Structure formats: C-alpha cells, structure tokens
Amino acid sequence: MTERSVSGGQSVGAVLRESLITGVVALLLFAPLTGVSLSGYTLEGHWQRPVWLAGWVVLGRFAFGWLRARGHLVGRLSGRPKAGSALLASWIEAHRTFLLLALCVVALILPWFIGKYWLNVAILAWIYVLLALGLNIVVGLAGLLDLGFVAFYAVGAYGYALGFKYLDLSFWAALPFGALLAACFGVMLGFPVLRMHGDYLAIVTLGFGEIIRLVLNNWMDFTGGPNGVRVPFPSFFGIEFGRKAQPGHVTVHEYFQVPFSNEYRDIFLYLLLMIVVGGLVFVIRRLRRMPLGRNWEALREDEIACRSLGIQPVTVKLSAFGLGAMTGGVGGVFFAASQGFVNPTSFTFMESAHILAIVILGGMGSTAGVIAAAVILTVLPEALRDFAEYRGLLFGCAMVLMMVWRPRGLMGARRARFDRSGVA
C-alpha cells in the first residue's frame, strides 16, 4: 500500500498541479466574459480582470487542497485516520463556544469601524438572515417548497407602514403586530395547500406571493400603490435618532452630548437585529429538539409514515407555515424601518428566489449554513460591483457547482449518528 493511499492525502506538488489546472480553466472561462468589452464598433481587451480572477481561483484551490492534505496528515499522525473535513468539523465542535464568542465580539465591534454604506449592507445581511431562517423552517425542516415567501416579508413591512399611517403604531408595537399579521397570512396560505406536494405546492405559493404584490400595487386608496408609504424611523425610550426630536423626546446626539450623525440610527438597527437573530437561533435550536421540531423533520422525510405514527400533518404544516411567516414578518418590519419607505417593487418574485437560494446554498435544515450563505450572498455582490453585469451568470454557476459538489449545501444539517466502531 503506498504512502498516498495510507494517508488519503496529496503531496504539495500534486495540489499545486491541480491548482494550476483549475486556474487555466478559470482563465478560459473568465477571459471572454470579463476580458473583452465593446466600445462602439470595436472590441477592447482588458486582461487584468480575468488574470486576477484566475489568480484568486488558483490561491483558493491551493489553500483548499493544502488544508485537506494537512488534515489527512494530522489524522494519520494522531492515530485517527479521518478525512480533513471530519477533523475540521471535530475541531470546530470542540471549540464551538470560543468561536461563537469570537464571532459575537467581531459582530459587536464591526459597525463602529465600517462606513455608512457597508453598515447598510450589514443591516440588509441581517434582514436576509432573518428571512432565510424563517424560510428554512418551511423548506429545510418541514420540507414544504414555498416560492412565495416574499409575501410575508411584504405583509410585515406594510403592517408597520400602514399601521403607522392609520393606527399611529410605533416601531415597537409594529414588531408583534407585523409578526402576528404575517403568521395569520401564513396559516391562511397553509389551509388550501394541506394536500399539495412538490410542484403543485410551489405553484400555489408562487401565486400567493404575486397576489399580495398585485394587491399592494393596485389598491391605491389604502396602500398608496406604486407611490409607496413613508415609514418613521424607530426611537428608543424617547430617544430619537434624527436631527430634531418630537415634543417630549430628545435626540441621541443631545442626550449623549456628541456630534450629530445618521450612523447612530443604523448602528442601533444593526445591534437590535443582531439580538433578534440571536434569539431566533436559540428558539429554533430548542424547537428542533422538541416534539414539534421532530414532527417537522418526520413530515419532510415521509408524510405517510407520519400519519401511521399518529402525527397530524395538518397541525405540523400549519405550525411550519405560521412560524416561518412570523419570522418573515419581523424581517419586513426591520426592512421598512431601515429604509424609511416601502413600495411594491421591493417584494418581487426575485426576492423569494434569492431567499430560497440562500437556504439551498447554506444547506436545507442547517441554521449555521443558512446564516453563512445569507451573509455571503448579501455582502459578496456588493463587493463585486465592478462585475454587476455578470452577477446573474456567476450566481447561476455557483448554484450549479454547489449542486454538483456540495448537494447538501455549505453546511449540511447534521444528524445524530450511531458509532459502530466500538461494536464487536
């Protein structure tokens, strides 16, 4: 048996050779896409972009191969011949508390060191994390394909906007109001589709999302139609984040005796979203261990077996739709508060597709994977603004590659396993 077959890894030379081959393939793909532009009737070559992109591909492929080979080597030396990914997973599991604390500290100090633009991007990333976690309950845990999740997002946003316009609701009152309103719409959607599966369920939910958008767009007298509705910025115990405060309130820069800045409101929303997402992650983790979460996963695997075990699919489906919609409604309230204005163009089918792509790329049923995918798919397009015209192409290629090499997503949902290594 050779050294390579014993360790399961590769030498540095083999990793470098595969990295260079990957770089050549990447260069051939990127050259016609990013290296050629049309100026009038002539073609101009810009070869710096494809070369840089291919270089990053080479570095990434080499780092991945080297880490995998090193994982095999460490496993062989320690007497535990595990794959590199298994070693990495075990190391993460052993240091999970430390890693979570480090991530929380980084997330807390991040808004103080980035500019206003990237702070708004970070807020949007937190909102997409909320939406993806809500859709993950419906699609990832319960196995119900929902292509109209943006409807609950819109219900939450317009619940705050119209609640303020007609009922004078504040931001803090709009949070439970938008969540409950979206949950009611989720249950309303759940009842007609109790007996539907697969493509039929996807078509109905897609139609529901379009119905909500068209109603918001055409009910001019109530929703304002395409003109939208203005939304007030939130306050905190009488402290407002604008330049001037209402009678009886005080502005944040006057209260703390600091210069005025619009970033204070964004930092407040960022930190509040971080707390809400942390609470939601805690609730989802507890629900997955409870009978309700087990019922969701059982329904996803086999509905007939659920019925034979005495599980009521009606209750399980409605609970999944209701809780997922409630999370989407909360995300809609935060979106309205961050933008200060809502209109129907923000709630198209592409938003539903984007949220569903986050769940699929992150790993259906995986909370950590969904959070990572939401951050990546929100921040990365903004970082690649120079390649905006190729964003759809790159996104589609990423989806294809993920389905080929990582069909369970970036971080597939982990299940309890029975180790038979110690069994005779």
Foldseek 3Di string as FASTA:
>chain_A
DDPCVVLVADDLVVQLVVLVVQLVVQLVVVQVPPQWDDDPPDIDGDSPVSNVVSVVSSVVSSVVRVQQRVLSVVCVVVVHRDTSVVVVVVVCVVCVVVVVVVVVVCLLCVLVPDDPVVLLLLLQLLLLLLLLVLVLLQCQQQNQDALQLLLLLQQLQLLQQLCCVPVVDALVRSLVVSLQRLLVVLLVLLVVCLPPGDPVRHVSNQVVNVVSLVCLQPVCVRQVHQVFGFGEAHADPQEDQDPDGDPPGHHPCVVVVHDHDNSVSSSVLSVVSVVVSVVVVVVVVVCCVDPLSVLSNVNSVPVVVCVVVVHDSSVSNSVSSSSSSSSSSSSSSSVCNSVRTDHSVVRDSVVSVVSVLLCQQLFRPDSVSSSVSSSCVSVVCVVVVVSVVCVVVVSVVVSVVCCVPPRRHPDYDDDDDDDCPPPD
